[in-house]
């Protein structure tokens, strides 16, 4: 019989339940630059809402922040 400990903080998300990553659309800047008819226009990134990062539910703890020890 294997003895197990209690729940412990998830090592992947450090208990925050989400993984924060640079936005793949803007590369973390929060802005997108588009050239239309020779004119550059800068917009808030639609992928991250201008924050520069996106959050994903942690795949290790499935968003609960803890794993079995």
N, C-alpha and C. Protein backbone atom coordinates (compact mmCIF):
# COMPACT_ATOMS: atom_id res chain seq x y z
N UNK A 1 0.84 -1.17 0.00
CA UNK A 1 0.00 0.00 0.00
C UNK A 1 0.89 1.25 0.00
N UNK A 2 0.57 2.19 -0.88
CA UNK A 2 1.32 3.43 -0.98
C UNK A 2 0.61 4.49 -0.17
N UNK A 3 1.37 5.15 0.69
CA UNK A 3 0.81 6.20 1.51
C UNK A 3 0.90 7.52 0.76
N UNK A 4 -0.17 8.28 0.75
CA UNK A 4 -0.17 9.56 0.05
C UNK A 4 -0.38 10.69 1.04
N UNK A 5 0.21 11.83 0.69
CA UNK A 5 0.00 13.02 1.49
C UNK A 5 -1.30 13.70 1.09
N UNK A 6 -1.57 14.83 1.66
CA UNK A 6 -2.77 15.58 1.33
C UNK A 6 -2.57 16.39 0.07
N UNK A 7 -3.51 17.26 -0.18
CA UNK A 7 -3.41 18.14 -1.34
C UNK A 7 -2.26 19.13 -1.13
N UNK A 8 -1.59 19.45 -2.21
CA UNK A 8 -0.53 20.45 -2.15
C UNK A 8 -0.70 21.43 -3.30
N UNK A 9 -0.07 22.57 -3.18
CA UNK A 9 -0.18 23.62 -4.19
C UNK A 9 0.35 23.10 -5.53
N UNK A 10 -0.38 23.39 -6.58
CA UNK A 10 0.01 22.95 -7.92
C UNK A 10 1.34 23.58 -8.31
N UNK A 11 2.33 22.78 -8.72
CA UNK A 11 3.63 23.33 -9.09
C UNK A 11 3.61 24.08 -10.43
N UNK A 12 2.67 23.77 -11.29
CA UNK A 12 2.63 24.40 -12.61
C UNK A 12 2.11 25.84 -12.54
N UNK A 13 1.02 26.06 -11.80
CA UNK A 13 0.43 27.41 -11.73
C UNK A 13 0.68 28.09 -10.39
N UNK A 14 1.35 27.38 -9.48
CA UNK A 14 1.67 27.90 -8.15
C UNK A 14 0.41 28.30 -7.37
N UNK A 15 -0.67 27.53 -7.60
CA UNK A 15 -1.91 27.75 -6.88
C UNK A 15 -2.80 28.84 -7.46
N UNK A 16 -2.37 29.49 -8.55
CA UNK A 16 -3.15 30.58 -9.13
C UNK A 16 -4.28 30.10 -10.04
N UNK A 17 -4.29 28.82 -10.37
CA UNK A 17 -5.33 28.16 -11.17
C UNK A 17 -5.25 28.45 -12.66
N UNK A 18 -4.49 29.46 -13.07
CA UNK A 18 -4.37 29.80 -14.47
C UNK A 18 -2.90 29.93 -14.86
N UNK A 19 -2.61 29.67 -16.12
CA UNK A 19 -1.28 29.87 -16.68
C UNK A 19 -1.35 31.16 -17.49
N UNK A 20 -0.46 32.10 -17.21
CA UNK A 20 -0.42 33.37 -17.93
C UNK A 20 0.67 33.27 -19.00
N UNK A 21 0.31 33.62 -20.23
CA UNK A 21 1.26 33.57 -21.33
C UNK A 21 1.15 34.85 -22.16
N UNK A 22 2.25 35.23 -22.81
CA UNK A 22 2.19 36.35 -23.74
C UNK A 22 1.16 36.04 -24.81
N UNK A 23 0.41 37.03 -25.19
CA UNK A 23 -0.62 36.86 -26.22
C UNK A 23 0.03 36.45 -27.54
N UNK A 24 -0.44 35.38 -28.16
CA UNK A 24 0.17 34.96 -29.42
C UNK A 24 -0.13 35.91 -30.60
N UNK A 25 -1.18 36.70 -30.49
CA UNK A 25 -1.53 37.62 -31.58
C UNK A 25 -0.66 38.87 -31.60
N UNK A 26 -0.36 39.43 -30.43
CA UNK A 26 0.40 40.68 -30.40
C UNK A 26 1.81 40.50 -29.83
N UNK A 27 2.14 39.28 -29.40
CA UNK A 27 3.47 39.02 -28.86
C UNK A 27 3.72 39.64 -27.50
N UNK A 28 2.66 40.03 -26.81
CA UNK A 28 2.79 40.60 -25.47
C UNK A 28 2.75 42.11 -25.41
N UNK A 29 2.61 42.77 -26.54
CA UNK A 29 2.60 44.24 -26.54
C UNK A 29 1.23 44.83 -26.21
N UNK A 30 0.17 44.07 -26.47
CA UNK A 30 -1.18 44.57 -26.24
C UNK A 30 -1.73 45.38 -27.40
N UNK A 31 -0.91 45.58 -28.42
CA UNK A 31 -1.31 46.39 -29.57
C UNK A 31 -1.10 45.63 -30.88
N UNK A 32 -1.93 45.96 -31.85
CA UNK A 32 -1.79 45.41 -33.20
C UNK A 32 -1.68 46.58 -34.16
N UNK A 33 -0.71 46.51 -35.06
CA UNK A 33 -0.55 47.55 -36.07
C UNK A 33 -0.93 46.98 -37.43
N UNK A 34 -1.84 47.66 -38.11
CA UNK A 34 -2.32 47.23 -39.41
C UNK A 34 -2.09 48.37 -40.40
N UNK A 35 -1.60 48.02 -41.57
CA UNK A 35 -1.41 49.02 -42.62
C UNK A 35 -2.53 48.89 -43.64
N UNK A 36 -3.30 49.97 -43.80
CA UNK A 36 -4.39 50.00 -44.77
C UNK A 36 -4.16 51.15 -45.73
N UNK A 37 -4.02 50.82 -47.00
CA UNK A 37 -3.81 51.83 -48.04
C UNK A 37 -2.64 52.75 -47.71
N UNK A 38 -1.57 52.16 -47.20
CA UNK A 38 -0.36 52.91 -46.90
C UNK A 38 -0.37 53.66 -45.59
N UNK A 39 -1.45 53.56 -44.82
CA UNK A 39 -1.56 54.26 -43.54
C UNK A 39 -1.51 53.23 -42.42
N UNK A 40 -0.59 53.45 -41.48
CA UNK A 40 -0.49 52.54 -40.33
C UNK A 40 -1.51 52.93 -39.27
N UNK A 41 -2.24 51.92 -38.80
CA UNK A 41 -3.21 52.14 -37.72
C UNK A 41 -2.90 51.17 -36.60
N UNK A 42 -2.91 51.68 -35.38
CA UNK A 42 -2.64 50.85 -34.22
C UNK A 42 -3.92 50.67 -33.42
N UNK A 43 -4.21 49.41 -33.12
CA UNK A 43 -5.42 49.06 -32.39
C UNK A 43 -5.06 48.27 -31.14
N UNK A 44 -5.97 48.29 -30.18
CA UNK A 44 -5.84 47.41 -29.02
C UNK A 44 -6.03 45.98 -29.54
N UNK A 45 -5.19 45.08 -29.12
CA UNK A 45 -5.25 43.69 -29.58
C UNK A 45 -6.58 43.05 -29.17
N UNK A 46 -7.22 42.41 -30.14
CA UNK A 46 -8.50 41.75 -29.86
C UNK A 46 -8.30 40.41 -29.16
N UNK A 47 -7.11 39.87 -29.24
CA UNK A 47 -6.84 38.57 -28.60
C UNK A 47 -6.72 38.66 -27.09
N UNK A 48 -6.15 39.76 -26.59
CA UNK A 48 -5.92 39.90 -25.15
C UNK A 48 -6.61 41.11 -24.55
N UNK A 49 -7.31 41.87 -25.38
CA UNK A 49 -7.99 43.06 -24.88
C UNK A 49 -7.04 44.19 -24.50
N UNK A 50 -5.79 44.11 -24.97
CA UNK A 50 -4.82 45.16 -24.68
C UNK A 50 -3.92 44.88 -23.49
N UNK A 51 -4.14 43.77 -22.80
CA UNK A 51 -3.33 43.47 -21.61
C UNK A 51 -1.95 42.91 -21.95
N UNK A 52 -1.83 42.30 -23.13
CA UNK A 52 -0.56 41.71 -23.53
C UNK A 52 -0.40 40.26 -23.14
N UNK A 53 -1.33 39.73 -22.35
CA UNK A 53 -1.24 38.32 -21.97
C UNK A 53 -2.61 37.67 -22.03
N UNK A 54 -2.59 36.35 -22.10
CA UNK A 54 -3.82 35.57 -22.07
C UNK A 54 -3.71 34.56 -20.94
N UNK A 55 -4.83 34.14 -20.42
CA UNK A 55 -4.86 33.15 -19.34
C UNK A 55 -5.51 31.87 -19.85
N UNK A 56 -4.90 30.76 -19.46
CA UNK A 56 -5.46 29.45 -19.76
C UNK A 56 -5.65 28.72 -18.44
N UNK A 57 -6.70 27.93 -18.34
CA UNK A 57 -6.89 27.10 -17.15
C UNK A 57 -5.71 26.14 -17.08
N UNK A 58 -5.13 26.02 -15.92
CA UNK A 58 -3.96 25.18 -15.73
C UNK A 58 -4.28 23.72 -16.12
N UNK A 59 -3.51 23.14 -17.03
CA UNK A 59 -3.78 21.76 -17.43
C UNK A 59 -3.36 20.72 -16.39
N UNK A 60 -2.51 21.12 -15.45
CA UNK A 60 -2.05 20.18 -14.42
C UNK A 60 -3.10 19.97 -13.33
N UNK A 61 -3.67 21.07 -12.82
CA UNK A 61 -4.64 20.96 -11.72
C UNK A 61 -6.08 21.19 -12.18
N UNK A 62 -6.25 21.46 -13.47
CA UNK A 62 -7.57 21.70 -14.07
C UNK A 62 -8.30 22.87 -13.41
N UNK A 63 -7.53 23.86 -12.97
CA UNK A 63 -8.12 25.08 -12.44
C UNK A 63 -8.47 25.07 -10.96
N UNK A 64 -8.06 24.04 -10.23
CA UNK A 64 -8.38 24.03 -8.80
C UNK A 64 -7.24 24.57 -7.93
N UNK A 65 -6.01 24.65 -8.48
CA UNK A 65 -4.88 25.20 -7.75
C UNK A 65 -4.16 24.21 -6.85
N UNK A 66 -4.65 22.99 -6.77
CA UNK A 66 -4.03 21.98 -5.90
C UNK A 66 -3.91 20.65 -6.64
N UNK A 67 -2.93 19.87 -6.22
CA UNK A 67 -2.76 18.51 -6.75
C UNK A 67 -2.59 17.56 -5.58
N UNK A 68 -2.83 16.30 -5.82
CA UNK A 68 -2.66 15.30 -4.78
C UNK A 68 -1.17 15.02 -4.55
N UNK A 69 -0.78 14.95 -3.31
CA UNK A 69 0.62 14.72 -2.97
C UNK A 69 0.97 13.28 -2.88
